[in-house]
C-alpha atoms as a PDB file:
ATOM      1  CA  MET A   1      10.636   8.173  17.104  1.00  0.00           C
ATOM      2  CA  PRO A   2       8.090   5.540  18.629  1.00  0.00           C
ATOM      3  CA  THR A   3       7.773   5.299  22.510  1.00  0.00           C
ATOM      4  CA  LEU A   4       8.092   2.052  24.443  1.00  0.00           C
ATOM      5  CA  THR A   5       6.918   2.006  27.966  1.00  0.00           C
ATOM      6  CA  VAL A   6       7.239  -0.991  30.095  1.00  0.00           C
ATOM      7  CA  SER A   7       5.420  -1.040  33.497  1.00  0.00           C
ATOM      8  CA  GLY A   8       5.463   2.755  33.547  1.00  0.00           C
ATOM      9  CA  GLN A   9       9.219   3.098  32.628  1.00  0.00           C
ATOM     10  CA  THR A  10      10.010   4.850  29.122  1.00  0.00           C
ATOM     11  CA  PHE A  11      12.636   3.645  27.116  1.00  0.00           C
ATOM     12  CA  ASN A  12      14.131   6.236  24.775  1.00  0.00           C
ATOM     13  CA  GLY A  13      15.932   5.605  21.507  1.00  0.00           C
ATOM     14  CA  VAL A  14      13.674   3.312  19.719  1.00  0.00           C
ATOM     15  CA  MET A  15      14.858   3.101  16.138  1.00  0.00           C
ATOM     16  CA  ASP A  16      12.267   0.785  14.803  1.00  0.00           C
ATOM     17  CA  ALA A  17       9.008  -0.579  16.087  1.00  0.00           C
ATOM     18  CA  ARG A  18       6.414  -3.151  14.439  1.00  0.00           C
ATOM     19  CA  VAL A  19       3.418  -4.910  15.673  1.00  0.00           C
ATOM     20  CA  LYS A  20       2.481  -8.412  14.566  1.00  0.00           C
ATOM     21  CA  ILE A  21      -0.716 -10.060  14.931  1.00  0.00           C
ATOM     22  CA  THR A  22      -0.661 -13.841  13.733  1.00  0.00           C
ATOM     23  CA  HIS A  23      -3.625 -15.999  13.376  1.00  0.00           C
ATOM     24  CA  GLY A  24      -1.454 -19.093  12.271  1.00  0.00           C
ATOM     25  CA  ASP A  25      -0.910 -20.910   8.657  1.00  0.00           C
ATOM     26  CA  ALA A  26      -4.285 -22.860   8.667  1.00  0.00           C
ATOM     27  CA  ALA A  27      -6.969 -21.847   6.430  1.00  0.00           C
ATOM     28  CA  VAL A  28      -9.200 -21.135   9.511  1.00  0.00           C
ATOM     29  CA  GLY A  29      -6.485 -19.609  11.802  1.00  0.00           C
ATOM     30  CA  MET A  30      -6.024 -19.989  15.392  1.00  0.00           C
ATOM     31  CA  PRO A  31      -8.640 -19.231  17.904  1.00  0.00           C
ATOM     32  CA  VAL A  32      -6.221 -16.783  19.808  1.00  0.00           C
ATOM     33  CA  PRO A  33      -3.831 -14.787  17.852  1.00  0.00           C
ATOM     34  CA  ILE A  34      -0.104 -14.498  18.730  1.00  0.00           C
ATOM     35  CA  CYS A  35       0.198 -10.818  19.408  1.00  0.00           C
ATOM     36  CA  GLN A  36       3.706  -9.358  19.141  1.00  0.00           C
ATOM     37  CA  ILE A  37       5.755  -6.122  19.372  1.00  0.00           C
ATOM     38  CA  PHE A  38       9.216  -5.938  17.872  1.00  0.00           C
ATOM     39  CA  VAL A  39      11.422  -3.037  18.822  1.00  0.00           C
ATOM     40  CA  SER A  40      15.083  -2.080  18.002  1.00  0.00           C
ATOM     41  CA  LEU A  41      16.669   0.409  20.458  1.00  0.00           C
ATOM     42  CA  ARG A  42      19.883   2.012  20.643  1.00  0.00           C
ATOM     43  CA  LEU A  43      22.317   0.196  23.083  1.00  0.00           C
ATOM     44  CA  ASP A  44      22.972   2.043  26.033  1.00  0.00           C
ATOM     45  CA  ARG A  45      24.397   1.003  29.698  1.00  0.00           C
ATOM     46  CA  ASP A  46      20.792   0.514  31.024  1.00  0.00           C
ATOM     47  CA  THR A  47      20.230  -3.481  31.606  1.00  0.00           C
ATOM     48  CA  THR A  48      16.424  -3.266  32.486  1.00  0.00           C
ATOM     49  CA  LEU A  49      15.233  -5.027  29.200  1.00  0.00           C
ATOM     50  CA  ALA A  50      18.081  -7.678  29.676  1.00  0.00           C
ATOM     51  CA  ARG A  51      17.163  -8.337  33.352  1.00  0.00           C
ATOM     52  CA  TRP A  52      13.473  -8.577  32.053  1.00  0.00           C
ATOM     53  CA  ALA A  53      14.481 -11.034  29.455  1.00  0.00           C
ATOM     54  CA  LEU A  54      16.196 -13.355  32.154  1.00  0.00           C
ATOM     55  CA  ALA A  55      13.430 -13.240  34.755  1.00  0.00           C
ATOM     56  CA  PRO A  56      11.742 -16.389  35.889  1.00  0.00           C
ATOM     57  CA  PRO A  57       8.005 -17.041  35.660  1.00  0.00           C
ATOM     58  CA  GLY A  58       6.386 -14.973  38.025  1.00  0.00           C
ATOM     59  CA  PRO A  59       5.491 -11.121  38.580  1.00  0.00           C
ATOM     60  CA  ASP A  60       9.012  -9.880  37.259  1.00  0.00           C
ATOM     61  CA  ARG A  61       8.445 -11.724  33.933  1.00  0.00           C
ATOM     62  CA  TRP A  62       4.847 -10.418  32.986  1.00  0.00           C
ATOM     63  CA  LYS A  63       4.710  -6.583  32.195  1.00  0.00           C
ATOM     64  CA  LYS A  64       2.321  -4.273  30.664  1.00  0.00           C
ATOM     65  CA  VAL A  65       3.776  -2.815  27.796  1.00  0.00           C
ATOM     66  CA  GLU A  66       2.852   0.161  25.592  1.00  0.00           C
ATOM     67  CA  LEU A  67       3.975   1.366  22.146  1.00  0.00           C
ATOM     68  CA  ARG A  68       3.027   4.831  20.759  1.00  0.00           C
ATOM     69  CA  THR A  69       3.726   4.813  17.038  1.00  0.00           C
ATOM     70  CA  LEU A  70       3.943   8.043  15.197  1.00  0.00           C
ATOM     71  CA  ASP A  71       2.973   9.276  11.599  1.00  0.00           C
ATOM     72  CA  GLN A  72       5.207  11.210   9.319  1.00  0.00           C
ATOM     73  CA  ASP A  73       4.283  14.552  11.087  1.00  0.00           C
ATOM     74  CA  MET A  74       5.562  12.858  14.364  1.00  0.00           C
ATOM     75  CA  VAL A  75       1.926  12.818  15.697  1.00  0.00           C
ATOM     76  CA  VAL A  76       0.966   9.807  17.847  1.00  0.00           C
ATOM     77  CA  ARG A  77      -1.390   7.718  15.597  1.00  0.00           C
ATOM     78  CA  HIS A  78      -1.752   4.512  17.401  1.00  0.00           C
ATOM     79  CA  ILE A  79      -1.345   3.189  21.056  1.00  0.00           C
ATOM     80  CA  TRP A  80      -0.593  -0.378  21.285  1.00  0.00           C
ATOM     81  CA  THR A  81      -0.798  -2.146  24.504  1.00  0.00           C
ATOM     82  CA  LEU A  82       0.133  -5.585  25.773  1.00  0.00           C
ATOM     83  CA  HIS A  83      -1.676  -6.093  28.966  1.00  0.00           C
ATOM     84  CA  ARG A  84       0.450  -9.210  29.999  1.00  0.00           C
ATOM     85  CA  ALA A  85       3.795  -9.563  27.892  1.00  0.00           C
ATOM     86  CA  TYR A  86       7.064 -11.174  28.418  1.00  0.00           C
ATOM     87  CA  VAL A  87      10.378 -11.104  26.174  1.00  0.00           C
ATOM     88  CA  HIS A  88       9.981 -13.689  23.857  1.00  0.00           C
ATOM     89  CA  ASN A  89      13.379 -13.032  22.090  1.00  0.00           C
ATOM     90  CA  TYR A  90      16.213 -10.535  23.213  1.00  0.00           C
ATOM     91  CA  ARG A  91      19.269  -9.676  20.981  1.00  0.00           C
ATOM     92  CA  GLU A  92      22.043  -7.261  21.765  1.00  0.00           C
ATOM     93  CA  ILE A  93      24.049  -6.430  18.765  1.00  0.00           C
ATOM     94  CA  GLU A  94      27.365  -4.748  18.884  1.00  0.00           C
ATOM     95  CA  ASP A  95      28.349  -2.986  15.369  1.00  0.00           C
ATOM     96  CA  SER A  96      31.486  -0.774  15.920  1.00  0.00           C
ATOM     97  CA  GLN A  97      31.811   0.062  12.446  1.00  0.00           C
ATOM     98  CA  ALA A  98      28.462   1.471  12.015  1.00  0.00           C
ATOM     99  CA  ASP A  99      28.423   3.261  15.490  1.00  0.00           C
ATOM    100  CA  SER A 100      31.070   5.999  14.123  1.00  0.00           C
ATOM    101  CA  GLY A 101      28.615   7.103  11.515  1.00  0.00           C
ATOM    102  CA  THR A 102      25.701   9.515  12.213  1.00  0.00           C
ATOM    103  CA  THR A 103      22.862   7.219  10.906  1.00  0.00           C
ATOM    104  CA  ASP A 104      20.535   5.355  13.267  1.00  0.00           C
ATOM    105  CA  SER A 105      22.513   1.955  12.634  1.00  0.00           C
ATOM    106  CA  GLY A 106      24.839   0.592  15.088  1.00  0.00           C
ATOM    107  CA  SER A 107      25.159  -1.208  18.362  1.00  0.00           C
ATOM    108  CA  ARG A 108      21.416  -1.851  19.155  1.00  0.00           C
ATOM    109  CA  ILE A 109      19.051  -4.107  21.276  1.00  0.00           C
ATOM    110  CA  GLU A 110      16.160  -6.078  19.200  1.00  0.00           C
ATOM    111  CA  ILE A 111      13.484  -7.249  21.557  1.00  0.00           C
ATOM    112  CA  GLU A 112      10.477  -9.294  20.568  1.00  0.00           C
ATOM    113  CA  LEU A 113       7.607  -9.070  23.059  1.00  0.00           C
ATOM    114  CA  ARG A 114       4.685 -11.330  23.053  1.00  0.00           C
ATOM    115  CA  GLY A 115       1.304 -10.837  24.738  1.00  0.00           C
ATOM    116  CA  LEU A 116      -0.449 -13.636  26.679  1.00  0.00           C
ATOM    117  CA  LEU A 117      -4.088 -13.846  28.019  1.00  0.00           C
ATOM    118  CA  PRO A 118      -4.566 -12.312  31.606  1.00  0.00           C
ATOM    119  CA  ASP A 119      -5.088 -15.953  32.851  1.00  0.00           C
ATOM    120  CA  ARG A 120      -5.380 -19.648  31.585  1.00  0.00           C
ATOM    121  CA  ASN A 121      -9.209 -19.481  32.675  1.00  0.00           C
ATOM    122  CA  VAL A 122      -9.906 -16.342  30.732  1.00  0.00           C
ATOM    123  CA  SER A 123     -11.389 -16.705  27.047  1.00  0.00           C
ATOM    124  CA  TYR A 124      -9.964 -14.324  24.301  1.00  0.00           C
ATOM    125  CA  VAL A 125     -12.549 -11.610  23.507  1.00  0.00           C
ATOM    126  CA  GLY A 126     -10.436  -9.635  20.914  1.00  0.00           C
ATOM    127  CA  ASP A 127      -8.715  -7.046  23.013  1.00  0.00           C
ATOM    128  CA  ASN A 128      -7.596  -8.758  26.110  1.00  0.00           C
ATOM    129  CA  ILE A 129      -4.196  -9.666  24.740  1.00  0.00           C
ATOM    130  CA  LEU A 130      -3.507  -6.512  22.510  1.00  0.00           C
ATOM    131  CA  ARG A 131      -5.469  -3.416  22.474  1.00  0.00           C
ATOM    132  CA  VAL A 132      -5.160  -0.720  19.829  1.00  0.00           C
ATOM    133  CA  THR A 133      -6.665   2.775  20.331  1.00  0.00           C
ATOM    134  CA  SER A 134      -6.047   6.023  18.098  1.00  0.00           C
ATOM    135  CA  GLY A 135      -3.393   8.710  19.364  1.00  0.00           C
END
């Protein structure tokens, strides 16, 4: 399973993780891409992610996020780091019918994290929103 870490706190139960880098729909593309990480986690009693989604602008909203993705042999292949991220979209889904099975479906949290430049006066240089390294 992939591993999600937010400001040093690791979240277990990641069911699905995706990274998306979008340069817009224009033929030329946007000068600063939209960098996002999408994660589905099993629903548990921890409310940390929900509280983060509700945080007002300020230090409680902007967090460093690290996603470690694995290959088929369960070896870390990529480490994706959003240096200054916020919760762009948070969904909590209760699926009581699927919870009775043994699959990874069921009640879950779906969270979309979006990266920002460190400061408005900083230019985009290619890795100051999202950085990827080998595992």
